[in-house]
N, C-alpha and C. Protein backbone atom coordinates (compact mmCIF):
# COMPACT_ATOMS: atom_id res chain seq x y z
N MET A 1 -50.69 99.88 193.28
CA MET A 1 -49.85 99.18 193.12
C MET A 1 -50.09 98.00 193.93
N THR A 2 -50.38 96.94 193.10
CA THR A 2 -50.18 95.83 193.68
C THR A 2 -49.38 94.51 193.79
N LEU A 3 -49.59 93.90 194.27
CA LEU A 3 -48.57 92.58 194.31
C LEU A 3 -49.05 91.21 193.68
N SER A 4 -49.26 91.58 192.37
CA SER A 4 -50.20 90.03 191.82
C SER A 4 -48.85 89.82 190.94
N GLY A 5 -49.06 88.88 189.82
CA GLY A 5 -48.19 88.31 189.13
C GLY A 5 -48.31 86.95 189.38
N GLY A 6 -49.17 86.32 190.14
CA GLY A 6 -48.96 84.85 190.51
C GLY A 6 -47.56 84.15 190.21
N ALA A 7 -47.29 83.43 189.73
CA ALA A 7 -46.20 82.65 189.39
C ALA A 7 -44.58 83.65 189.70
N SER A 8 -44.83 84.69 189.47
CA SER A 8 -43.27 85.26 189.14
C SER A 8 -43.15 85.91 190.63
N ARG A 9 -43.97 85.85 191.39
CA ARG A 9 -43.69 86.22 192.85
C ARG A 9 -43.63 84.88 193.85
N VAL A 10 -43.94 83.64 193.37
CA VAL A 10 -43.55 82.49 194.17
C VAL A 10 -42.00 82.33 194.27
N GLY A 11 -41.46 82.37 195.28
CA GLY A 11 -40.48 81.94 195.99
C GLY A 11 -39.98 82.76 197.33
N ALA A 12 -38.98 82.36 197.34
CA ALA A 12 -37.81 83.14 198.61
C ALA A 12 -37.61 84.56 198.26
N TRP A 13 -37.94 85.49 199.27
CA TRP A 13 -37.27 86.90 199.13
C TRP A 13 -36.38 87.38 200.67
N THR A 14 -35.66 87.89 199.95
CA THR A 14 -34.58 88.35 201.26
C THR A 14 -34.55 89.70 201.89
N VAL A 15 -34.75 90.43 202.74
CA VAL A 15 -34.76 91.84 203.35
C VAL A 15 -33.61 92.47 202.18
N ASP A 16 -33.70 93.15 201.88
CA ASP A 16 -32.24 94.20 201.29
C ASP A 16 -32.02 95.30 202.46
N ALA A 17 -31.29 95.18 203.49
CA ALA A 17 -30.68 96.28 204.24
C ALA A 17 -30.46 97.43 204.03
N SER A 18 -29.82 97.33 203.15
CA SER A 18 -29.43 98.57 202.41
C SER A 18 -30.38 99.62 201.94
N ARG A 19 -31.37 99.13 201.74
CA ARG A 19 -32.73 100.13 201.30
C ARG A 19 -33.68 100.34 202.36
N SER A 20 -33.70 99.58 203.13
CA SER A 20 -34.79 99.69 203.99
C SER A 20 -34.17 100.12 205.43
N THR A 21 -35.53 100.71 206.02
CA THR A 21 -35.46 101.44 206.85
C THR A 21 -36.52 101.18 208.22
N VAL A 22 -36.37 101.43 209.61
CA VAL A 22 -37.34 100.93 210.30
C VAL A 22 -36.55 102.18 211.23
N ALA A 23 -38.00 103.17 211.43
CA ALA A 23 -37.55 104.75 212.50
C ALA A 23 -38.78 104.47 213.24
N PHE A 24 -38.52 105.26 214.56
CA PHE A 24 -39.14 105.47 215.27
C PHE A 24 -39.62 107.11 216.12
N GLU A 25 -40.87 107.03 216.53
CA GLU A 25 -40.54 108.61 217.12
C GLU A 25 -41.83 108.24 218.65
N GLY A 26 -41.02 108.58 219.53
CA GLY A 26 -41.77 108.77 220.66
C GLY A 26 -41.62 109.94 221.74
N ARG A 27 -42.68 109.88 222.56
CA ARG A 27 -42.47 111.39 223.32
C ARG A 27 -41.44 111.26 224.50
N HIS A 28 -41.38 112.15 225.05
CA HIS A 28 -40.48 112.41 226.45
C HIS A 28 -40.88 113.52 227.15
N LEU A 29 -40.65 114.02 228.30
CA LEU A 29 -40.55 114.70 229.27
C LEU A 29 -42.45 115.42 228.84
N TRP A 30 -42.91 114.23 229.60
CA TRP A 30 -44.51 114.42 229.76
C TRP A 30 -45.01 115.03 228.26
N GLY A 31 -44.83 114.36 227.22
CA GLY A 31 -45.46 114.56 226.12
C GLY A 31 -44.63 116.22 225.21
N LEU A 32 -43.80 116.75 226.00
CA LEU A 32 -43.68 118.09 225.42
C LEU A 32 -42.12 117.80 224.50
N ALA A 33 -41.28 116.67 224.43
CA ALA A 33 -40.39 116.68 223.57
C ALA A 33 -40.35 115.27 222.40
N ARG A 34 -40.28 115.35 221.53
CA ARG A 34 -39.98 114.27 220.49
C ARG A 34 -38.87 113.63 220.56
N VAL A 35 -38.18 112.47 220.58
CA VAL A 35 -37.50 111.69 220.52
C VAL A 35 -37.72 110.63 219.15
N ARG A 36 -36.96 110.75 218.06
CA ARG A 36 -36.98 110.06 216.67
C ARG A 36 -35.63 109.44 217.00
N GLY A 37 -35.57 108.35 216.20
CA GLY A 37 -34.26 107.44 215.77
C GLY A 37 -34.70 106.62 214.71
N GLU A 38 -33.72 105.94 214.75
CA GLU A 38 -33.74 104.66 213.40
C GLU A 38 -33.12 103.51 213.95
N PHE A 39 -33.20 102.54 213.33
CA PHE A 39 -32.38 101.28 213.75
C PHE A 39 -31.65 100.75 212.56
N ALA A 40 -30.12 100.94 212.28
CA ALA A 40 -29.24 101.15 211.18
C ALA A 40 -29.15 99.54 210.67
N GLU A 41 -29.45 98.52 211.74
CA GLU A 41 -29.13 97.17 210.86
C GLU A 41 -30.69 96.18 211.25
N LEU A 42 -30.77 95.44 210.37
CA LEU A 42 -31.66 94.75 210.13
C LEU A 42 -31.64 93.42 208.93
N SER A 43 -32.34 92.76 209.27
CA SER A 43 -32.54 91.59 208.20
C SER A 43 -33.67 90.52 208.28
N GLY A 44 -33.93 89.82 207.41
CA GLY A 44 -35.17 89.22 207.04
C GLY A 44 -35.05 88.39 206.01
N GLU A 45 -36.29 87.82 206.08
CA GLU A 45 -36.59 86.66 204.59
C GLU A 45 -38.19 86.74 204.66
N GLY A 46 -38.68 86.33 203.43
CA GLY A 46 -39.81 85.88 203.22
C GLY A 46 -40.09 85.20 202.28
N LEU A 47 -41.29 84.31 202.23
CA LEU A 47 -41.43 83.47 201.21
C LEU A 47 -42.96 83.45 200.90
N VAL A 48 -43.16 83.21 199.31
CA VAL A 48 -44.42 83.39 198.38
C VAL A 48 -44.78 82.16 198.11
N LYS A 49 -45.63 81.76 198.47
CA LYS A 49 -46.26 80.18 197.96
C LYS A 49 -47.12 80.17 196.92
N GLU A 50 -47.36 79.04 196.06
CA GLU A 50 -47.79 78.97 195.03
C GLU A 50 -49.30 79.59 194.87
N ASP A 51 -50.17 79.34 196.46
CA ASP A 51 -51.38 79.70 196.60
C ASP A 51 -51.73 81.35 196.84
N GLY A 52 -50.33 81.99 196.68
CA GLY A 52 -50.31 83.34 196.79
C GLY A 52 -50.08 84.46 198.28
N ARG A 53 -50.14 83.07 199.27
CA ARG A 53 -49.95 83.47 200.70
C ARG A 53 -48.08 83.34 200.74
N PHE A 54 -47.97 85.03 201.83
CA PHE A 54 -46.84 84.84 202.49
C PHE A 54 -46.76 84.67 203.54
N SER A 55 -45.55 84.64 204.09
CA SER A 55 -45.25 84.53 205.36
C SER A 55 -43.69 85.19 205.85
N GLY A 56 -43.23 85.51 206.75
CA GLY A 56 -41.87 86.23 207.00
C GLY A 56 -41.16 86.67 208.19
N ARG A 57 -40.01 87.31 208.25
CA ARG A 57 -39.53 87.27 209.39
C ARG A 57 -38.66 88.34 209.58
N VAL A 58 -38.70 89.89 210.25
CA VAL A 58 -37.86 91.08 210.10
C VAL A 58 -37.43 91.08 211.53
N ALA A 59 -36.03 91.20 211.59
CA ALA A 59 -34.99 90.88 212.70
C ALA A 59 -34.36 92.69 212.81
N ILE A 60 -34.55 93.10 213.98
CA ILE A 60 -33.77 94.83 213.96
C ILE A 60 -33.13 94.37 215.08
N ALA A 61 -31.89 94.56 214.58
CA ALA A 61 -30.53 94.86 215.87
C ALA A 61 -30.97 95.92 216.98
N LEU A 62 -30.68 95.28 218.25
CA LEU A 62 -31.41 96.88 219.20
C LEU A 62 -29.85 97.45 219.22
N GLY A 63 -28.63 97.10 219.13
CA GLY A 63 -27.78 97.95 219.12
C GLY A 63 -27.31 98.89 218.37
N SER A 64 -28.15 98.72 217.21
CA SER A 64 -28.05 99.94 216.00
C SER A 64 -28.95 101.24 216.27
N VAL A 65 -29.48 100.86 217.40
CA VAL A 65 -30.39 102.37 217.75
C VAL A 65 -29.51 103.36 217.22
N ASP A 66 -30.03 104.55 216.83
CA ASP A 66 -29.48 105.84 216.51
C ASP A 66 -30.68 107.10 216.43
N THR A 67 -30.40 107.99 217.50
CA THR A 67 -31.48 108.87 217.77
C THR A 67 -30.60 109.68 217.53
N LYS A 68 -29.58 109.88 217.08
CA LYS A 68 -28.44 111.48 216.83
C LYS A 68 -28.11 111.88 218.64
N ASN A 69 -28.09 111.19 219.46
CA ASN A 69 -27.79 111.24 220.75
C ASN A 69 -27.08 110.37 221.36
N VAL A 70 -25.66 110.42 221.76
CA VAL A 70 -25.08 109.38 221.71
C VAL A 70 -25.31 109.05 223.52
N LYS A 71 -25.42 109.87 224.16
CA LYS A 71 -26.06 109.31 225.63
C LYS A 71 -27.28 108.86 225.54
N ARG A 72 -28.23 109.57 224.88
CA ARG A 72 -29.70 108.15 224.90
C ARG A 72 -29.69 107.13 224.27
N ASP A 73 -28.79 106.95 223.03
CA ASP A 73 -28.40 105.77 222.67
C ASP A 73 -27.65 104.74 223.73
N GLU A 74 -26.82 105.20 224.36
CA GLU A 74 -26.62 104.14 225.46
C GLU A 74 -27.62 104.06 226.33
N VAL A 75 -28.22 104.80 226.58
CA VAL A 75 -29.78 104.48 227.65
C VAL A 75 -30.19 103.28 226.91
N LEU A 76 -30.75 103.95 225.63
CA LEU A 76 -31.71 102.89 225.09
C LEU A 76 -31.30 101.40 225.10
N LYS A 77 -29.66 101.31 224.89
CA LYS A 77 -29.19 100.04 224.29
C LYS A 77 -28.83 99.58 225.68
N SER A 78 -29.07 99.97 226.86
CA SER A 78 -28.63 99.35 228.65
C SER A 78 -29.80 98.57 228.80
N ASP A 79 -29.49 97.97 229.95
CA ASP A 79 -30.16 96.97 230.26
C ASP A 79 -31.49 97.72 231.05
N ARG A 80 -31.33 98.90 231.53
CA ARG A 80 -32.91 99.61 231.81
C ARG A 80 -33.65 99.95 230.82
N PHE A 81 -33.25 99.65 229.42
CA PHE A 81 -34.15 99.72 228.32
C PHE A 81 -34.37 98.29 227.42
N PHE A 82 -33.59 98.35 225.99
CA PHE A 82 -33.60 97.39 225.36
C PHE A 82 -32.95 96.38 225.63
N ASN A 83 -31.78 96.33 226.82
CA ASN A 83 -30.88 95.27 226.66
C ASN A 83 -30.31 94.42 225.68
N ALA A 84 -29.90 95.51 224.34
CA ALA A 84 -29.40 94.97 223.51
C ALA A 84 -28.44 94.05 223.31
N GLU A 85 -27.45 94.13 224.20
CA GLU A 85 -26.17 93.37 224.53
C GLU A 85 -26.54 92.04 224.98
N ASP A 86 -27.70 91.56 225.83
CA ASP A 86 -28.59 90.30 225.82
C ASP A 86 -29.27 89.92 225.06
N LEU A 87 -30.44 90.69 224.85
CA LEU A 87 -31.28 90.40 223.84
C LEU A 87 -30.67 90.81 222.62
N LYS A 88 -30.29 91.36 222.05
CA LYS A 88 -29.66 91.28 220.24
C LYS A 88 -30.75 92.19 219.43
N GLU A 89 -31.90 91.49 219.35
CA GLU A 89 -32.77 91.56 218.29
C GLU A 89 -34.33 91.91 218.88
N LEU A 90 -35.07 92.75 218.01
CA LEU A 90 -36.69 92.90 218.01
C LEU A 90 -37.19 92.14 216.86
N VAL A 91 -38.00 91.04 217.50
CA VAL A 91 -38.43 90.07 215.89
C VAL A 91 -39.82 90.53 215.24
N PHE A 92 -39.78 90.63 214.18
CA PHE A 92 -41.48 90.53 213.54
C PHE A 92 -41.63 88.95 212.73
N GLU A 93 -42.67 88.63 213.17
CA GLU A 93 -42.61 86.99 212.71
C GLU A 93 -44.19 87.27 212.14
N ALA A 94 -44.05 87.42 210.65
CA ALA A 94 -45.63 87.64 209.92
C ALA A 94 -45.90 86.07 209.62
N GLU A 95 -47.58 85.99 210.01
CA GLU A 95 -47.93 84.69 209.83
C GLU A 95 -48.74 85.14 208.55
N GLU A 96 -48.92 83.68 208.08
CA GLU A 96 -49.23 83.50 206.59
C GLU A 96 -50.57 84.46 206.01
N THR A 97 -50.17 85.58 204.85
CA THR A 97 -51.06 86.23 204.56
C THR A 97 -50.97 86.16 203.02
N ASN A 98 -52.51 86.41 202.63
CA ASN A 98 -52.61 86.42 201.08
C ASN A 98 -52.29 87.83 200.72
N LEU A 99 -51.49 87.54 199.43
CA LEU A 99 -50.91 88.82 198.71
C LEU A 99 -51.77 89.27 197.58
N SER A 100 -52.75 88.45 197.13
CA SER A 100 -53.75 88.95 196.14
C SER A 100 -54.69 89.78 196.19
N GLY A 101 -54.72 91.09 194.88
CA GLY A 101 -55.81 91.55 194.64
C GLY A 101 -55.00 92.94 194.73
N SER A 102 -55.11 93.47 196.36
CA SER A 102 -54.65 94.81 196.70
C SER A 102 -53.06 95.48 197.10
N SER A 103 -53.34 96.61 196.98
CA SER A 103 -51.64 96.91 197.36
C SER A 103 -51.80 97.50 198.83
N GLU A 104 -53.02 97.25 199.72
CA GLU A 104 -53.49 97.36 200.89
C GLU A 104 -53.22 95.93 201.77
N LEU A 105 -52.45 95.78 202.69
CA LEU A 105 -52.21 94.52 203.62
C LEU A 105 -52.61 94.55 204.82
N THR A 106 -53.20 93.53 205.30
CA THR A 106 -53.02 93.52 206.76
C THR A 106 -52.09 92.39 207.14
N ILE A 107 -51.02 92.70 207.74
CA ILE A 107 -50.45 91.37 208.12
C ILE A 107 -50.54 90.95 209.62
N PRO A 108 -51.20 89.90 209.74
CA PRO A 108 -50.93 89.40 211.43
C PRO A 108 -49.78 88.77 212.05
N GLY A 109 -49.18 88.91 212.96
CA GLY A 109 -47.94 88.45 213.24
C GLY A 109 -47.55 88.51 214.82
N ARG A 110 -46.29 88.42 215.25
CA ARG A 110 -45.78 88.46 216.77
C ARG A 110 -44.87 89.55 216.32
N LEU A 111 -44.80 90.13 217.32
CA LEU A 111 -43.65 91.08 217.71
C LEU A 111 -43.05 90.86 219.13
N SER A 112 -41.59 90.43 218.85
CA SER A 112 -40.75 89.41 220.29
C SER A 112 -39.54 90.22 220.68
N LEU A 113 -39.46 90.20 222.03
CA LEU A 113 -38.22 90.87 222.34
C LEU A 113 -37.57 90.14 223.76
N GLY A 114 -36.52 88.87 223.18
CA GLY A 114 -36.22 88.48 224.21
C GLY A 114 -37.55 87.44 224.55
N GLU A 115 -37.94 86.95 225.85
CA GLU A 115 -39.03 85.96 226.01
C GLU A 115 -40.43 86.69 226.26
N ASN A 116 -40.46 87.91 225.67
CA ASN A 116 -41.90 88.66 225.64
C ASN A 116 -42.21 88.52 224.43
N SER A 117 -43.65 88.41 223.99
CA SER A 117 -43.96 88.13 222.59
C SER A 117 -45.09 88.43 222.64
N VAL A 118 -45.74 89.70 221.87
CA VAL A 118 -47.05 89.83 222.07
C VAL A 118 -47.77 90.19 220.50
N PRO A 119 -49.05 89.31 220.06
CA PRO A 119 -49.97 89.67 218.83
C PRO A 119 -49.48 91.48 218.45
N ILE A 120 -49.54 91.33 217.10
CA ILE A 120 -49.50 92.73 216.25
C ILE A 120 -50.33 92.25 215.10
N GLU A 121 -51.26 93.33 214.32
CA GLU A 121 -51.64 93.21 213.21
C GLU A 121 -51.19 94.71 212.61
N ILE A 122 -50.48 94.35 211.41
CA ILE A 122 -49.64 95.78 210.87
C ILE A 122 -50.49 96.11 209.43
N LYS A 123 -50.43 97.47 209.37
CA LYS A 123 -51.24 97.82 208.31
C LYS A 123 -50.25 97.99 207.13
N ALA A 124 -50.21 97.40 205.78
CA ALA A 124 -48.91 97.70 205.22
C ALA A 124 -49.30 98.02 203.98
N ARG A 125 -48.41 98.68 202.51
CA ARG A 125 -48.90 99.32 201.78
C ARG A 125 -47.91 98.65 200.79
N ILE A 126 -48.04 98.35 199.72
CA ILE A 126 -47.12 98.04 198.61
C ILE A 126 -46.85 99.18 197.94
N GLU A 127 -45.69 100.08 197.84
CA GLU A 127 -45.59 101.03 197.26
C GLU A 127 -44.39 100.91 195.83
N ASP A 128 -43.54 99.97 195.84
CA ASP A 128 -43.17 99.30 194.74
C ASP A 128 -42.52 97.93 194.72
N SER A 129 -43.02 97.59 193.32
CA SER A 129 -43.02 96.61 193.03
C SER A 129 -42.82 95.80 191.74
N SER A 130 -41.46 94.88 191.89
CA SER A 130 -41.22 94.60 190.33
C SER A 130 -40.76 92.84 190.21
N ASP A 131 -40.43 92.38 188.79
CA ASP A 131 -40.35 90.86 189.36
C ASP A 131 -38.88 90.67 190.21
N ASP A 132 -38.13 91.27 190.40
CA ASP A 132 -37.11 91.16 191.46
C ASP A 132 -37.28 91.81 192.75
N ALA A 133 -38.08 92.79 193.01
CA ALA A 133 -37.83 93.70 194.17
C ALA A 133 -39.46 94.17 194.63
N VAL A 134 -39.75 94.12 196.30
CA VAL A 134 -41.31 94.46 196.50
C VAL A 134 -40.54 95.58 197.61
N ARG A 135 -41.27 97.04 197.68
CA ARG A 135 -41.01 97.55 199.00
C ARG A 135 -42.38 97.56 199.56
N LEU A 136 -42.27 97.09 200.74
CA LEU A 136 -43.64 97.22 201.54
C LEU A 136 -43.19 98.79 202.94
N VAL A 137 -44.32 99.40 203.15
CA VAL A 137 -44.54 100.24 203.71
C VAL A 137 -45.45 100.37 205.30
N ALA A 138 -44.98 100.52 206.18
CA ALA A 138 -46.32 100.61 207.57
C ALA A 138 -45.83 101.72 208.55
N ASP A 139 -46.95 102.00 209.00
CA ASP A 139 -46.63 102.69 210.02
C ASP A 139 -47.44 102.14 211.37
N THR A 140 -47.11 101.85 212.69
CA THR A 140 -48.03 101.11 213.42
C THR A 140 -47.91 101.73 214.52
N LEU A 141 -48.25 101.75 215.92
CA LEU A 141 -47.88 101.58 217.20
C LEU A 141 -47.58 100.74 217.74
N VAL A 142 -46.38 100.87 218.70
CA VAL A 142 -46.07 99.48 219.45
C VAL A 142 -46.06 100.12 221.07
N ASP A 143 -46.39 98.81 221.87
CA ASP A 143 -46.42 99.43 223.35
C ASP A 143 -45.45 98.27 223.60
N ARG A 144 -44.12 99.13 223.84
CA ARG A 144 -43.17 98.64 224.70
C ARG A 144 -43.30 97.74 225.70
N ALA A 145 -44.04 98.52 226.79
CA ALA A 145 -44.30 98.07 228.17
C ALA A 145 -44.63 96.32 227.71
N LYS A 146 -45.94 96.25 227.04
CA LYS A 146 -45.87 94.68 226.50
C LYS A 146 -44.61 94.01 226.30
N LEU A 147 -43.82 94.53 225.88
CA LEU A 147 -42.56 93.68 225.15
C LEU A 147 -41.71 93.91 226.58
N GLY A 148 -42.27 94.35 227.73
CA GLY A 148 -41.01 94.30 228.60
C GLY A 148 -40.23 95.26 228.77
N VAL A 149 -40.31 96.50 227.95
CA VAL A 149 -39.57 97.23 228.36
C VAL A 149 -40.13 98.61 229.12
N ARG A 150 -39.96 98.91 230.42
CA ARG A 150 -41.09 99.54 231.22
C ARG A 150 -40.08 100.69 231.83
N ALA A 151 -39.08 100.52 231.60
CA ALA A 151 -37.98 102.25 232.00
C ALA A 151 -38.63 103.59 231.80
N ASN A 152 -39.26 104.25 232.70
CA ASN A 152 -39.73 105.96 232.28
C ASN A 152 -39.92 106.31 233.90
N PRO A 153 -38.58 106.81 234.29
CA PRO A 153 -38.01 107.54 235.10
C PRO A 153 -39.18 108.83 235.32
N MET A 154 -39.67 108.94 236.75
CA MET A 154 -40.86 109.96 236.77
C MET A 154 -42.14 110.04 235.79
N GLY A 155 -42.32 109.03 235.52
CA GLY A 155 -43.39 108.66 234.32
C GLY A 155 -43.56 109.94 233.29
N MET A 156 -42.51 110.18 233.18
CA MET A 156 -41.98 111.30 231.94
C MET A 156 -42.45 110.78 229.93
N ALA A 157 -42.69 109.29 229.90
CA ALA A 157 -42.69 108.90 228.70
C ALA A 157 -43.85 107.84 228.78
N PRO A 158 -44.91 107.94 227.58
CA PRO A 158 -45.84 107.12 227.23
C PRO A 158 -45.10 105.96 226.92
N THR A 159 -45.71 104.65 226.84
CA THR A 159 -45.46 103.56 226.42
C THR A 159 -45.43 103.34 224.91
N SER A 160 -46.30 104.14 224.17
CA SER A 160 -46.47 103.91 222.93
C SER A 160 -45.69 104.59 222.09
N THR A 161 -45.34 103.73 221.40
CA THR A 161 -43.84 104.71 220.21
C THR A 161 -44.70 104.27 218.87
N LYS A 162 -44.68 105.64 218.05
CA LYS A 162 -44.50 105.31 216.66
C LYS A 162 -44.04 104.63 215.88
N VAL A 163 -44.20 103.40 214.82
CA VAL A 163 -42.80 102.91 214.35
C VAL A 163 -43.29 102.94 212.71
N HIS A 164 -42.23 103.67 211.94
CA HIS A 164 -42.51 103.55 210.45
C HIS A 164 -41.61 102.61 209.77
N VAL A 165 -41.89 101.83 209.27
CA VAL A 165 -41.18 101.02 208.80
C VAL A 165 -41.36 100.83 206.81
N GLU A 166 -39.96 100.79 206.30
CA GLU A 166 -39.84 100.67 204.60
C GLU A 166 -38.91 99.43 204.56
N ILE A 167 -39.57 98.53 203.88
CA ILE A 167 -38.76 97.07 203.96
C ILE A 167 -39.01 97.18 202.30
N TRP A 168 -37.65 96.70 201.89
CA TRP A 168 -37.35 96.09 200.62
C TRP A 168 -37.02 94.96 200.70
N PHE A 169 -37.95 94.03 199.80
CA PHE A 169 -37.42 92.45 199.56
C PHE A 169 -37.06 91.95 198.11
N ALA A 170 -35.94 91.78 198.24
CA ALA A 170 -35.27 91.37 196.97
C ALA A 170 -35.45 89.96 196.65
N ARG A 171 -35.48 89.27 195.56
CA ARG A 171 -35.77 88.07 194.97
C ARG A 171 -34.48 87.26 195.64
N SER A 172 -34.28 86.11 196.17
CA SER A 172 -33.27 85.61 196.95
C SER A 172 -33.15 84.36 195.73
N ALA A 173 -31.10 84.76 195.72
CA ALA A 173 -30.80 84.04 194.30
C ALA A 173 -31.03 82.43 194.84
N GLY A 174 -31.12 81.98 193.79
CA GLY A 174 -31.23 80.28 193.91
C GLY A 174 -32.01 79.65 193.28
């Protein structure tokens, strides 16, 4: 599936949060146990230009983390980890990237948490595409320590976390 179609893709796009997911998987207890979760709230937008290049932004509400364990979620939201009350969101800002040709994309950008920002390159696939909706799917590793999240009691958890995203973009009205 490619995202071609020239002029039909030009314009503003908005993240359809009701269809999108951001999930993560990390290790705990020195790698013996898996911790999985999702963020329930996200927002964002994208812009496709006449020349086929796009840029965009996706913001993930840190307070919406859900691991199906209330105590763990409280720790993740606390100032010992995400500091969700003060920092509010994790933001990915995509630099301009060429859409033409393939369903495989390399999207350069920056991942930011508060004042900490790191360059990241995300390998994504276009898995669904119509004139009014596009679904991007990606799997990547995020080093939370580089974003300032260093909580790691007794060295029990590696800093790399697997992240799986399925982001639906809908054509913006107007």
